[in-house]
C-alpha atoms as a PDB file:
ATOM      1  CA  MET A   1      26.691  -5.595  14.469  1.00  0.00           C
ATOM      2  CA  GLU A   2      23.676  -7.730  15.998  1.00  0.00           C
ATOM      3  CA  LEU A   3      20.148  -7.771  14.819  1.00  0.00           C
ATOM      4  CA  ARG A   4      18.880  -6.394  18.083  1.00  0.00           C
ATOM      5  CA  GLN A   5      20.800  -3.077  16.817  1.00  0.00           C
ATOM      6  CA  LEU A   6      18.960  -3.261  13.343  1.00  0.00           C
ATOM      7  CA  GLU A   7      15.659  -3.707  15.380  1.00  0.00           C
ATOM      8  CA  HIS A   8      16.636  -0.577  17.311  1.00  0.00           C
ATOM      9  CA  PHE A   9      17.974   1.532  14.253  1.00  0.00           C
ATOM     10  CA  VAL A  10      14.756   0.826  12.020  1.00  0.00           C
ATOM     11  CA  ALA A  11      12.451   1.750  15.161  1.00  0.00           C
ATOM     12  CA  VAL A  12      14.246   5.167  15.302  1.00  0.00           C
ATOM     13  CA  ALA A  13      14.400   5.769  11.486  1.00  0.00           C
ATOM     14  CA  GLU A  14      10.312   4.843  11.315  1.00  0.00           C
ATOM     15  CA  GLU A  15       9.615   6.657  14.187  1.00  0.00           C
ATOM     16  CA  ARG A  16      11.741   9.691  13.966  1.00  0.00           C
ATOM     17  CA  HIS A  17      11.916   9.983  17.733  1.00  0.00           C
ATOM     18  CA  PHE A  18      13.934   8.309  20.286  1.00  0.00           C
ATOM     19  CA  THR A  19      10.981   8.639  23.018  1.00  0.00           C
ATOM     20  CA  ARG A  20       8.476   6.930  20.779  1.00  0.00           C
ATOM     21  CA  ALA A  21      10.791   3.995  19.215  1.00  0.00           C
ATOM     22  CA  ALA A  22      12.043   3.326  22.899  1.00  0.00           C
ATOM     23  CA  ASP A  23       8.255   3.021  24.124  1.00  0.00           C
ATOM     24  CA  LEU A  24       7.389   0.626  20.873  1.00  0.00           C
ATOM     25  CA  LEU A  25      10.345  -1.250  21.693  1.00  0.00           C
ATOM     26  CA  HIS A  26       9.899  -1.400  25.330  1.00  0.00           C
ATOM     27  CA  ILE A  27      13.114  -0.613  26.607  1.00  0.00           C
ATOM     28  CA  SER A  28      14.941   2.617  28.365  1.00  0.00           C
ATOM     29  CA  GLN A  29      15.550   5.589  26.005  1.00  0.00           C
ATOM     30  CA  SER A  30      19.089   5.652  27.381  1.00  0.00           C
ATOM     31  CA  GLY A  31      19.567   1.955  26.568  1.00  0.00           C
ATOM     32  CA  LEU A  32      18.382   2.542  22.953  1.00  0.00           C
ATOM     33  CA  SER A  33      20.448   5.577  22.485  1.00  0.00           C
ATOM     34  CA  ALA A  34      23.440   3.407  24.055  1.00  0.00           C
ATOM     35  CA  SER A  35      22.542   0.612  21.161  1.00  0.00           C
ATOM     36  CA  ILE A  36      22.596   3.192  18.387  1.00  0.00           C
ATOM     37  CA  ARG A  37      25.884   5.136  19.516  1.00  0.00           C
ATOM     38  CA  ALA A  38      27.289   1.762  19.551  1.00  0.00           C
ATOM     39  CA  LEU A  39      26.277   0.598  15.930  1.00  0.00           C
ATOM     40  CA  GLU A  40      27.427   4.079  14.526  1.00  0.00           C
ATOM     41  CA  VAL A  41      30.768   3.655  16.450  1.00  0.00           C
ATOM     42  CA  GLU A  42      30.883   0.359  14.699  1.00  0.00           C
ATOM     43  CA  LEU A  43      30.015   1.683  11.219  1.00  0.00           C
ATOM     44  CA  GLY A  44      32.229   4.579  11.586  1.00  0.00           C
ATOM     45  CA  THR A  45      29.698   7.548  10.625  1.00  0.00           C
ATOM     46  CA  SER A  46      26.552   9.009  12.114  1.00  0.00           C
ATOM     47  CA  LEU A  47      23.411   7.525  11.153  1.00  0.00           C
ATOM     48  CA  PHE A  48      20.768  10.609  12.279  1.00  0.00           C
ATOM     49  CA  ILE A  49      20.623  14.002  12.460  1.00  0.00           C
ATOM     50  CA  ARG A  50      19.241  14.709  16.216  1.00  0.00           C
ATOM     51  CA  SER A  51      17.509  17.936  17.104  1.00  0.00           C
ATOM     52  CA  THR A  52      15.267  18.450  20.396  1.00  0.00           C
ATOM     53  CA  ARG A  53      12.220  17.770  18.395  1.00  0.00           C
ATOM     54  CA  ARG A  54      12.974  14.894  15.994  1.00  0.00           C
ATOM     55  CA  VAL A  55      15.546  13.061  14.256  1.00  0.00           C
ATOM     56  CA  GLU A  56      16.349  12.809  10.583  1.00  0.00           C
ATOM     57  CA  LEU A  57      18.405   9.879   8.644  1.00  0.00           C
ATOM     58  CA  THR A  58      21.746  10.746   7.362  1.00  0.00           C
ATOM     59  CA  ALA A  59      22.696   9.628   4.171  1.00  0.00           C
ATOM     60  CA  ALA A  60      24.462   6.689   5.210  1.00  0.00           C
ATOM     61  CA  GLY A  61      21.120   5.829   7.646  1.00  0.00           C
ATOM     62  CA  ARG A  62      19.126   6.441   4.601  1.00  0.00           C
ATOM     63  CA  ALA A  63      21.466   3.551   2.649  1.00  0.00           C
ATOM     64  CA  LEU A  64      21.333   1.051   5.916  1.00  0.00           C
ATOM     65  CA  LEU A  65      17.506   1.560   6.329  1.00  0.00           C
ATOM     66  CA  ALA A  66      16.536  -0.545   3.099  1.00  0.00           C
ATOM     67  CA  ASP A  67      18.839  -2.986   4.105  1.00  0.00           C
ATOM     68  CA  SER A  68      18.301  -3.332   7.461  1.00  0.00           C
ATOM     69  CA  LEU A  69      14.394  -4.062   6.498  1.00  0.00           C
ATOM     70  CA  ARG A  70      15.000  -6.669   4.172  1.00  0.00           C
ATOM     71  CA  THR A  71      17.550  -8.286   6.733  1.00  0.00           C
ATOM     72  CA  LEU A  72      14.820  -8.447   9.572  1.00  0.00           C
ATOM     73  CA  ALA A  73      12.184  -9.335   6.848  1.00  0.00           C
ATOM     74  CA  SER A  74      14.329 -12.424   5.745  1.00  0.00           C
ATOM     75  CA  VAL A  75      15.140 -13.487   9.407  1.00  0.00           C
ATOM     76  CA  THR A  76      11.413 -13.297  10.385  1.00  0.00           C
ATOM     77  CA  ALA A  77      10.728 -15.411   7.463  1.00  0.00           C
ATOM     78  CA  ALA A  78      13.119 -17.806   8.235  1.00  0.00           C
ATOM     79  CA  LYS A  79      11.610 -18.320  11.473  1.00  0.00           C
ATOM     80  CA  ASN A  80       8.554 -18.893  10.065  1.00  0.00           C
ATOM     81  CA  ALA A  81       9.268 -21.387   7.582  1.00  0.00           C
ATOM     82  CA  VAL A  82      10.765 -23.498  10.316  1.00  0.00           C
ATOM     83  CA  ALA A  83       7.679 -23.107  11.905  1.00  0.00           C
ATOM     84  CA  ALA A  84       5.488 -24.004   9.212  1.00  0.00           C
ATOM     85  CA  VAL A  85       7.517 -27.298   8.757  1.00  0.00           C
ATOM     86  CA  SER A  86       5.897 -28.464  11.930  1.00  0.00           C
ATOM     87  CA  GLY A  87       2.658 -27.273  10.706  1.00  0.00           C
ATOM     88  CA  LEU A  88       2.501 -24.305  12.639  1.00  0.00           C
ATOM     89  CA  LEU A  89       1.730 -20.907  11.270  1.00  0.00           C
ATOM     90  CA  ARG A  90       3.211 -17.967  13.970  1.00  0.00           C
ATOM     91  CA  GLY A  91       4.734 -14.380  14.144  1.00  0.00           C
ATOM     92  CA  THR A  92       3.385 -11.448  12.565  1.00  0.00           C
ATOM     93  CA  LEU A  93       1.241 -10.641   9.439  1.00  0.00           C
ATOM     94  CA  SER A  94       1.406  -7.226   8.037  1.00  0.00           C
ATOM     95  CA  VAL A  95      -1.149  -6.232   5.541  1.00  0.00           C
ATOM     96  CA  GLY A  96      -1.202  -3.132   3.338  1.00  0.00           C
ATOM     97  CA  ALA A  97      -3.978  -1.004   1.731  1.00  0.00           C
ATOM     98  CA  GLU A  98      -5.143   1.473   0.010  1.00  0.00           C
ATOM     99  CA  GLN A  99      -8.461   2.901   1.084  1.00  0.00           C
ATOM    100  CA  CYS A 100     -11.923   1.931  -0.518  1.00  0.00           C
ATOM    101  CA  LEU A 101     -10.124  -0.174  -3.333  1.00  0.00           C
ATOM    102  CA  GLY A 102     -13.158  -2.389  -3.919  1.00  0.00           C
ATOM    103  CA  SER A 103     -13.168  -6.321  -4.413  1.00  0.00           C
ATOM    104  CA  VAL A 104     -12.321  -7.311  -0.838  1.00  0.00           C
ATOM    105  CA  ASP A 105     -14.035  -6.768   2.409  1.00  0.00           C
ATOM    106  CA  LEU A 106     -10.761  -6.604   4.199  1.00  0.00           C
ATOM    107  CA  PRO A 107     -12.061  -6.569   8.083  1.00  0.00           C
ATOM    108  CA  VAL A 108     -13.793  -9.930   7.185  1.00  0.00           C
ATOM    109  CA  GLN A 109     -10.710 -11.127   5.358  1.00  0.00           C
ATOM    110  CA  LEU A 110      -8.525  -9.816   8.615  1.00  0.00           C
ATOM    111  CA  ALA A 111     -10.917 -11.185  11.114  1.00  0.00           C
ATOM    112  CA  ARG A 112     -11.457 -14.599   9.550  1.00  0.00           C
ATOM    113  CA  PHE A 113      -7.438 -14.872   9.024  1.00  0.00           C
ATOM    114  CA  ARG A 114      -6.833 -14.023  13.165  1.00  0.00           C
ATOM    115  CA  THR A 115      -9.519 -16.649  13.981  1.00  0.00           C
ATOM    116  CA  SER A 116      -8.192 -19.549  11.591  1.00  0.00           C
ATOM    117  CA  ASN A 117      -4.539 -18.571  12.645  1.00  0.00           C
ATOM    118  CA  PRO A 118      -4.365 -17.469  16.412  1.00  0.00           C
ATOM    119  CA  GLY A 119      -0.642 -17.889  16.591  1.00  0.00           C
ATOM    120  CA  ILE A 120      -0.293 -14.827  14.111  1.00  0.00           C
ATOM    121  CA  GLU A 121      -0.075 -11.269  15.185  1.00  0.00           C
ATOM    122  CA  VAL A 122      -2.123  -9.127  12.186  1.00  0.00           C
ATOM    123  CA  ARG A 123      -1.096  -5.960  11.402  1.00  0.00           C
ATOM    124  CA  LEU A 124      -2.642  -3.161   9.199  1.00  0.00           C
ATOM    125  CA  ARG A 125      -1.305  -0.398   7.453  1.00  0.00           C
ATOM    126  CA  HIS A 126      -3.266   2.511   5.269  1.00  0.00           C
ATOM    127  CA  ALA A 127      -1.068   4.104   2.649  1.00  0.00           C
ATOM    128  CA  SER A 128      -0.956   5.207  -0.962  1.00  0.00           C
ATOM    129  CA  SER A 129      -0.748   1.837  -3.441  1.00  0.00           C
ATOM    130  CA  SER A 130       2.653   3.308  -4.532  1.00  0.00           C
ATOM    131  CA  GLU A 131       4.024   3.510  -1.188  1.00  0.00           C
ATOM    132  CA  LEU A 132       2.697   0.021  -0.237  1.00  0.00           C
ATOM    133  CA  THR A 133       4.015  -1.532  -3.151  1.00  0.00           C
ATOM    134  CA  GLU A 134       7.472  -0.471  -2.232  1.00  0.00           C
ATOM    135  CA  SER A 135       7.131  -1.652   1.206  1.00  0.00           C
ATOM    136  CA  VAL A 136       6.268  -5.038   0.253  1.00  0.00           C
ATOM    137  CA  SER A 137       9.691  -4.863  -1.684  1.00  0.00           C
ATOM    138  CA  VAL A 138      11.876  -3.949   1.345  1.00  0.00           C
ATOM    139  CA  GLY A 139       9.850  -6.366   3.771  1.00  0.00           C
ATOM    140  CA  ARG A 140       8.214  -3.589   5.582  1.00  0.00           C
ATOM    141  CA  VAL A 141       5.000  -4.860   4.468  1.00  0.00           C
ATOM    142  CA  ASP A 142       4.315  -8.960   3.753  1.00  0.00           C
ATOM    143  CA  ILE A 143       1.265  -8.319   1.512  1.00  0.00           C
ATOM    144  CA  ALA A 144      -0.724  -5.586   0.192  1.00  0.00           C
ATOM    145  CA  LEU A 145      -4.049  -4.685  -1.674  1.00  0.00           C
ATOM    146  CA  VAL A 146      -3.202  -1.577  -4.265  1.00  0.00           C
ATOM    147  CA  ALA A 147      -4.454  -0.240  -7.353  1.00  0.00           C
ATOM    148  CA  VAL A 148      -2.052  -1.480 -10.051  1.00  0.00           C
ATOM    149  CA  CYS A 149      -0.314   1.980 -11.389  1.00  0.00           C
ATOM    150  CA  GLY A 150       2.652   0.478 -13.230  1.00  0.00           C
ATOM    151  CA  PRO A 151       5.308  -2.335 -12.901  1.00  0.00           C
ATOM    152  CA  ALA A 152       5.810  -4.035  -9.817  1.00  0.00           C
ATOM    153  CA  PRO A 153       9.198  -3.292  -8.472  1.00  0.00           C
ATOM    154  CA  GLN A 154      12.063  -6.339  -8.152  1.00  0.00           C
ATOM    155  CA  GLY A 155      11.061  -8.825  -6.064  1.00  0.00           C
ATOM    156  CA  VAL A 156       7.627  -8.185  -6.007  1.00  0.00           C
ATOM    157  CA  ARG A 157       4.473  -9.631  -8.062  1.00  0.00           C
ATOM    158  CA  LEU A 158       0.912  -8.318  -8.473  1.00  0.00           C
ATOM    159  CA  VAL A 159      -1.625 -10.639  -8.299  1.00  0.00           C
ATOM    160  CA  PRO A 160      -5.022  -9.543 -10.106  1.00  0.00           C
ATOM    161  CA  LEU A 161      -8.130  -8.982  -8.539  1.00  0.00           C
ATOM    162  CA  SER A 162     -10.542  -7.258  -9.966  1.00  0.00           C
ATOM    163  CA  THR A 163     -11.161  -4.467 -12.530  1.00  0.00           C
ATOM    164  CA  GLN A 164     -13.369  -1.655 -12.823  1.00  0.00           C
ATOM    165  CA  ARG A 165     -13.968   1.689 -14.432  1.00  0.00           C
ATOM    166  CA  LEU A 166     -12.745   5.252 -13.184  1.00  0.00           C
ATOM    167  CA  VAL A 167     -15.357   7.667 -13.196  1.00  0.00           C
ATOM    168  CA  MET A 168     -16.031  11.361 -12.828  1.00  0.00           C
ATOM    169  CA  LEU A 169     -17.885  12.210  -9.738  1.00  0.00           C
ATOM    170  CA  CYS A 170     -19.385  15.666  -9.495  1.00  0.00           C
ATOM    171  CA  HIS A 171     -22.337  17.696  -7.619  1.00  0.00           C
ATOM    172  CA  PRO A 172     -25.745  17.010  -9.373  1.00  0.00           C
ATOM    173  CA  ASP A 173     -25.938  20.600 -10.022  1.00  0.00           C
ATOM    174  CA  HIS A 174     -22.479  20.777 -12.002  1.00  0.00           C
ATOM    175  CA  PRO A 175     -22.880  21.508 -15.734  1.00  0.00           C
ATOM    176  CA  LEU A 176     -21.496  18.133 -16.648  1.00  0.00           C
ATOM    177  CA  ALA A 177     -23.752  16.279 -14.347  1.00  0.00           C
ATOM    178  CA  SER A 178     -26.008  15.421 -17.000  1.00  0.00           C
ATOM    179  CA  ALA A 179     -23.557  13.898 -19.706  1.00  0.00           C
ATOM    180  CA  ASP A 180     -23.720  10.267 -20.900  1.00  0.00           C
ATOM    181  CA  GLU A 181     -19.803  10.201 -21.335  1.00  0.00           C
ATOM    182  CA  ILE A 182     -17.311  12.595 -20.898  1.00  0.00           C
ATOM    183  CA  ASP A 183     -13.900  13.241 -22.810  1.00  0.00           C
ATOM    184  CA  LEU A 184     -11.115  14.063 -20.884  1.00  0.00           C
ATOM    185  CA  ALA A 185     -10.505  16.865 -22.834  1.00  0.00           C
ATOM    186  CA  ARG A 186     -13.695  18.394 -21.747  1.00  0.00           C
ATOM    187  CA  LEU A 187     -12.293  18.338 -18.320  1.00  0.00           C
ATOM    188  CA  GLY A 188      -9.054  20.907 -18.862  1.00  0.00           C
ATOM    189  CA  THR A 189     -10.900  23.858 -16.982  1.00  0.00           C
ATOM    190  CA  GLU A 190     -12.600  21.808 -14.210  1.00  0.00           C
ATOM    191  CA  THR A 191     -11.390  22.523 -10.732  1.00  0.00           C
ATOM    192  CA  PHE A 192     -10.302  18.999  -9.124  1.00  0.00           C
ATOM    193  CA  VAL A 193     -10.556  17.373  -5.601  1.00  0.00           C
ATOM    194  CA  GLY A 194      -8.429  14.736  -5.369  1.00  0.00           C
ATOM    195  CA  PHE A 195      -5.863  12.479  -3.313  1.00  0.00           C
ATOM    196  CA  GLN A 196      -2.531  12.824  -2.534  1.00  0.00           C
ATOM    197  CA  ALA A 197       0.691  11.720  -4.845  1.00  0.00           C
ATOM    198  CA  GLY A 198       0.910   8.321  -5.152  1.00  0.00           C
ATOM    199  CA  TRP A 199      -2.856   7.082  -4.417  1.00  0.00           C
ATOM    200  CA  GLY A 200      -3.887   4.998  -7.246  1.00  0.00           C
ATOM    201  CA  ALA A 201      -6.741   7.626  -8.516  1.00  0.00           C
ATOM    202  CA  GLN A 202      -4.535  10.584  -8.679  1.00  0.00           C
ATOM    203  CA  VAL A 203      -1.416   8.503 -10.322  1.00  0.00           C
ATOM    204  CA  LEU A 204      -3.771   7.021 -13.237  1.00  0.00           C
ATOM    205  CA  ALA A 205      -5.381  10.268 -13.814  1.00  0.00           C
ATOM    206  CA  SER A 206      -2.159  12.301 -13.899  1.00  0.00           C
ATOM    207  CA  ARG A 207      -0.855   9.582 -16.458  1.00  0.00           C
ATOM    208  CA  ALA A 208      -4.036   9.842 -18.900  1.00  0.00           C
ATOM    209  CA  PHE A 209      -4.535  13.749 -18.944  1.00  0.00           C
ATOM    210  CA  ALA A 210      -0.774  14.048 -19.757  1.00  0.00           C
ATOM    211  CA  ALA A 211      -1.327  11.532 -22.636  1.00  0.00           C
ATOM    212  CA  VAL A 212      -3.776  13.964 -24.062  1.00  0.00           C
ATOM    213  CA  GLY A 213      -1.708  17.065 -23.480  1.00  0.00           C
ATOM    214  CA  LEU A 214      -3.868  18.440 -20.147  1.00  0.00           C
ATOM    215  CA  ASP A 215      -2.278  19.117 -16.537  1.00  0.00           C
ATOM    216  CA  TYR A 216      -3.926  17.002 -14.036  1.00  0.00           C
ATOM    217  CA  ARG A 217      -3.712  18.917 -10.526  1.00  0.00           C
ATOM    218  CA  ALA A 218      -5.790  18.898  -7.547  1.00  0.00           C
ATOM    219  CA  ALA A 219      -7.051  22.197  -5.883  1.00  0.00           C
ATOM    220  CA  MET A 220      -7.632  20.301  -2.550  1.00  0.00           C
ATOM    221  CA  GLU A 221      -5.601  17.064  -2.077  1.00  0.00           C
ATOM    222  CA  VAL A 222      -7.028  14.249   0.594  1.00  0.00           C
ATOM    223  CA  ASN A 223      -5.892  11.407   1.949  1.00  0.00           C
ATOM    224  CA  ASP A 224      -9.156  10.375   3.240  1.00  0.00           C
ATOM    225  CA  VAL A 225     -12.332   8.912   0.724  1.00  0.00           C
ATOM    226  CA  HIS A 226     -15.248  10.224   2.925  1.00  0.00           C
ATOM    227  CA  PHE A 227     -13.718  13.780   3.201  1.00  0.00           C
ATOM    228  CA  LEU A 228     -13.152  13.771  -0.643  1.00  0.00           C
ATOM    229  CA  LEU A 229     -16.852  12.789  -1.336  1.00  0.00           C
ATOM    230  CA  ASP A 230     -17.689  15.510   1.120  1.00  0.00           C
ATOM    231  CA  LEU A 231     -15.840  18.101  -0.755  1.00  0.00           C
ATOM    232  CA  VAL A 232     -17.304  16.954  -3.987  1.00  0.00           C
ATOM    233  CA  GLY A 233     -20.910  17.219  -2.430  1.00  0.00           C
ATOM    234  CA  TYR A 234     -20.129  20.741  -1.662  1.00  0.00           C
ATOM    235  CA  ASN A 235     -19.729  21.479  -5.404  1.00  0.00           C
ATOM    236  CA  LEU A 236     -15.978  22.547  -4.714  1.00  0.00           C
ATOM    237  CA  GLY A 237     -14.838  20.289  -7.452  1.00  0.00           C
ATOM    238  CA  ILE A 238     -14.770  17.228  -9.471  1.00  0.00           C
ATOM    239  CA  ALA A 239     -12.913  14.270  -8.618  1.00  0.00           C
ATOM    240  CA  ILE A 240     -11.713  11.105 -10.582  1.00  0.00           C
ATOM    241  CA  VAL A 241     -12.462   8.000  -8.836  1.00  0.00           C
ATOM    242  CA  PRO A 242     -13.260   4.256  -9.426  1.00  0.00           C
ATOM    243  CA  GLU A 243     -16.814   3.144  -9.373  1.00  0.00           C
ATOM    244  CA  THR A 244     -16.437   1.368  -6.002  1.00  0.00           C
ATOM    245  CA  ILE A 245     -15.795   4.841  -4.181  1.00  0.00           C
ATOM    246  CA  ALA A 246     -18.876   6.988  -6.539  1.00  0.00           C
ATOM    247  CA  ALA A 247     -21.207   3.987  -5.241  1.00  0.00           C
ATOM    248  CA  LYS A 248     -20.713   5.237  -1.600  1.00  0.00           C
ATOM    249  CA  ARG A 249     -23.017   8.555  -2.247  1.00  0.00           C
ATOM    250  CA  PRO A 250     -25.319   7.774  -5.347  1.00  0.00           C
ATOM    251  CA  ASP A 251     -28.151   9.440  -3.964  1.00  0.00           C
ATOM    252  CA  VAL A 252     -26.389  12.851  -3.437  1.00  0.00           C
ATOM    253  CA  LEU A 253     -23.604  12.729  -6.095  1.00  0.00           C
ATOM    254  CA  ARG A 254     -23.418  12.089  -9.757  1.00  0.00           C
ATOM    255  CA  ALA A 255     -21.060   9.606 -11.469  1.00  0.00           C
ATOM    256  CA  VAL A 256     -20.393   9.852 -15.148  1.00  0.00           C
ATOM    257  CA  PRO A 257     -18.350   7.661 -17.291  1.00  0.00           C
ATOM    258  CA  LEU A 258     -15.126   8.563 -18.778  1.00  0.00           C
ATOM    259  CA  GLY A 259     -14.668   8.369 -22.634  1.00  0.00           C
ATOM    260  CA  ALA A 260     -11.588   6.897 -24.197  1.00  0.00           C
ATOM    261  CA  GLY A 261      -7.987   7.583 -22.650  1.00  0.00           C
ATOM    262  CA  MET A 262      -8.779   7.041 -19.229  1.00  0.00           C
ATOM    263  CA  PRO A 263      -7.156   3.570 -17.639  1.00  0.00           C
ATOM    264  CA  ALA A 264      -9.127   0.812 -15.801  1.00  0.00           C
ATOM    265  CA  TRP A 265      -8.846   0.543 -12.123  1.00  0.00           C
ATOM    266  CA  ASP A 266      -7.250  -2.814 -11.569  1.00  0.00           C
ATOM    267  CA  VAL A 267      -7.118  -4.310  -7.930  1.00  0.00           C
ATOM    268  CA  ALA A 268      -3.968  -6.650  -7.398  1.00  0.00           C
ATOM    269  CA  VAL A 269      -2.421  -7.950  -4.469  1.00  0.00           C
ATOM    270  CA  ALA A 270       1.177  -6.972  -4.110  1.00  0.00           C
ATOM    271  CA  VAL A 271       3.474  -9.910  -2.360  1.00  0.00           C
ATOM    272  CA  ALA A 272       7.171 -10.837  -2.367  1.00  0.00           C
ATOM    273  CA  ASP A 273       8.280 -13.718  -4.984  1.00  0.00           C
ATOM    274  CA  GLU A 274       8.810 -15.528  -2.135  1.00  0.00           C
ATOM    275  CA  PRO A 275       6.162 -14.801   0.514  1.00  0.00           C
ATOM    276  CA  SER A 276       5.991 -16.051   4.121  1.00  0.00           C
ATOM    277  CA  PRO A 277       3.671 -18.736   5.125  1.00  0.00           C
ATOM    278  CA  ALA A 278       1.523 -16.671   6.716  1.00  0.00           C
ATOM    279  CA  ALA A 279       1.336 -14.140   3.781  1.00  0.00           C
ATOM    280  CA  THR A 280       0.717 -17.389   1.317  1.00  0.00           C
ATOM    281  CA  ALA A 281      -1.744 -18.305   3.724  1.00  0.00           C
ATOM    282  CA  PHE A 282      -3.775 -15.245   3.345  1.00  0.00           C
ATOM    283  CA  LEU A 283      -3.340 -14.964  -0.384  1.00  0.00           C
ATOM    284  CA  GLU A 284      -5.035 -18.215  -0.586  1.00  0.00           C
ATOM    285  CA  GLN A 285      -7.675 -17.240   2.062  1.00  0.00           C
ATOM    286  CA  LEU A 286      -8.567 -14.105  -0.406  1.00  0.00           C
ATOM    287  CA  PHE A 287      -8.838 -15.881  -3.419  1.00  0.00           C
ATOM    288  CA  GLU A 288     -10.863 -19.030  -1.662  1.00  0.00           C
ATOM    289  CA  LYS A 289     -13.693 -20.043  -3.767  1.00  0.00           C
ATOM    290  CA  ALA A 290     -15.618 -23.239  -2.448  1.00  0.00           C
ATOM    291  CA  ALA A 291     -13.366 -26.468  -2.617  1.00  0.00           C
ATOM    292  CA  ALA A 292     -11.339 -25.272  -5.300  1.00  0.00           C
ATOM    293  CA  GLY A 293     -10.112 -22.032  -3.321  1.00  0.00           C
ATOM    294  CA  GLU A 294      -6.442 -23.397  -2.591  1.00  0.00           C
ATOM    295  CA  ASP A 295      -6.067 -24.791  -6.100  1.00  0.00           C
ATOM    296  CA  GLN A 296      -7.380 -21.433  -7.353  1.00  0.00           C
ATOM    297  CA  ALA A 297      -5.064 -19.320  -5.329  1.00  0.00           C
ATOM    298  CA  ARG A 298      -2.038 -21.496  -5.813  1.00  0.00           C
ATOM    299  CA  SER A 299      -2.548 -21.232  -9.592  1.00  0.00           C
ATOM    300  CA  ARG A 300      -2.810 -17.730  -9.696  1.00  0.00           C
ATOM    301  CA  LEU A 301       0.526 -17.192  -7.502  1.00  0.00           C
ATOM    302  CA  ALA A 302       2.146 -19.593  -9.950  1.00  0.00           C
ATOM    303  CA  SER A 303       0.826 -17.771 -12.784  1.00  0.00           C
ATOM    304  CA  SER A 304       1.844 -14.380 -11.431  1.00  0.00           C
ATOM    305  CA  ALA A 305       5.189 -15.870 -10.811  1.00  0.00           C
ATOM    306  CA  ALA A 306       5.724 -17.169 -14.330  1.00  0.00           C
ATOM    307  CA  ASP A 307       4.630 -13.827 -15.700  1.00  0.00           C
ATOM    308  CA  SER A 308       7.115 -12.002 -13.416  1.00  0.00           C
ATOM    309  CA  THR A 309       9.869 -14.352 -14.839  1.00  0.00           C
ATOM    310  CA  THR A 310       9.041 -13.804 -18.473  1.00  0.00           C
ATOM    311  CA  SER A 311       8.791  -9.941 -18.057  1.00  0.00           C
ATOM    312  CA  ALA A 312      12.278 -10.109 -16.225  1.00  0.00           C
ATOM    313  CA  ALA A 313      13.687 -12.405 -19.409  1.00  0.00           C
END
């Protein structure tokens, strides 16, 4: 089994399509198909269920995918570590983020990092916090900005960034718009506009409502912040969102604080226990403050690692 074959396998597994994967890898489709067939012969099993429109992983393929991602991530990390000894940063930095988390102006940070590290290709992926945290654990993403929805998976630490409140967002004509504060129990019969499963606000709202015996279900689920704001603006439902999102339309929508029982919106950086030099450099930049920036970043990283070790014990 060769690393090249694992790279080919992962590309097909993620694209679910041989032609798109071949284009991504800059090889012919016939060459890619031959590489996958050789891998299947070596392993003695089929890795994909092929159809005319797309391919799906078999049970064996799903089992191979996680280890393949870790193997390729380890190889990349080893190459980058050798380069770092010579004072060079090169390779790829894959950054993930859920939309509109607050705390960090991500485009500015990415631009600064790429300018300071021209040898590194920077990639960005938007997804839910749950998916991104898992992606860090398997090496698909190097570092991610996420809403904290629970303990980090094995091999990942969460470095705190900021905390803010979750609020109820509604149309100014909504009956609850004039309230100073709202208990969750009063929202049991409301129609919700919300994010899809795995997004931070959806996970935290579902958990809080379940704790008071209520079922949180969004009648309209979206994966875009501005579309959610539009739906609330047309009075199609209320939403549970962090203050950062509520502040985007302060003149046209009403944000009402939630009472006891609603968890805080904690934003953190998800990073591997042993991050790559590029991920470490980006983390240091995120926490940089005047001359003490690097010391603070390393202190937070060390503190987070100590907490992770204590929790594991």
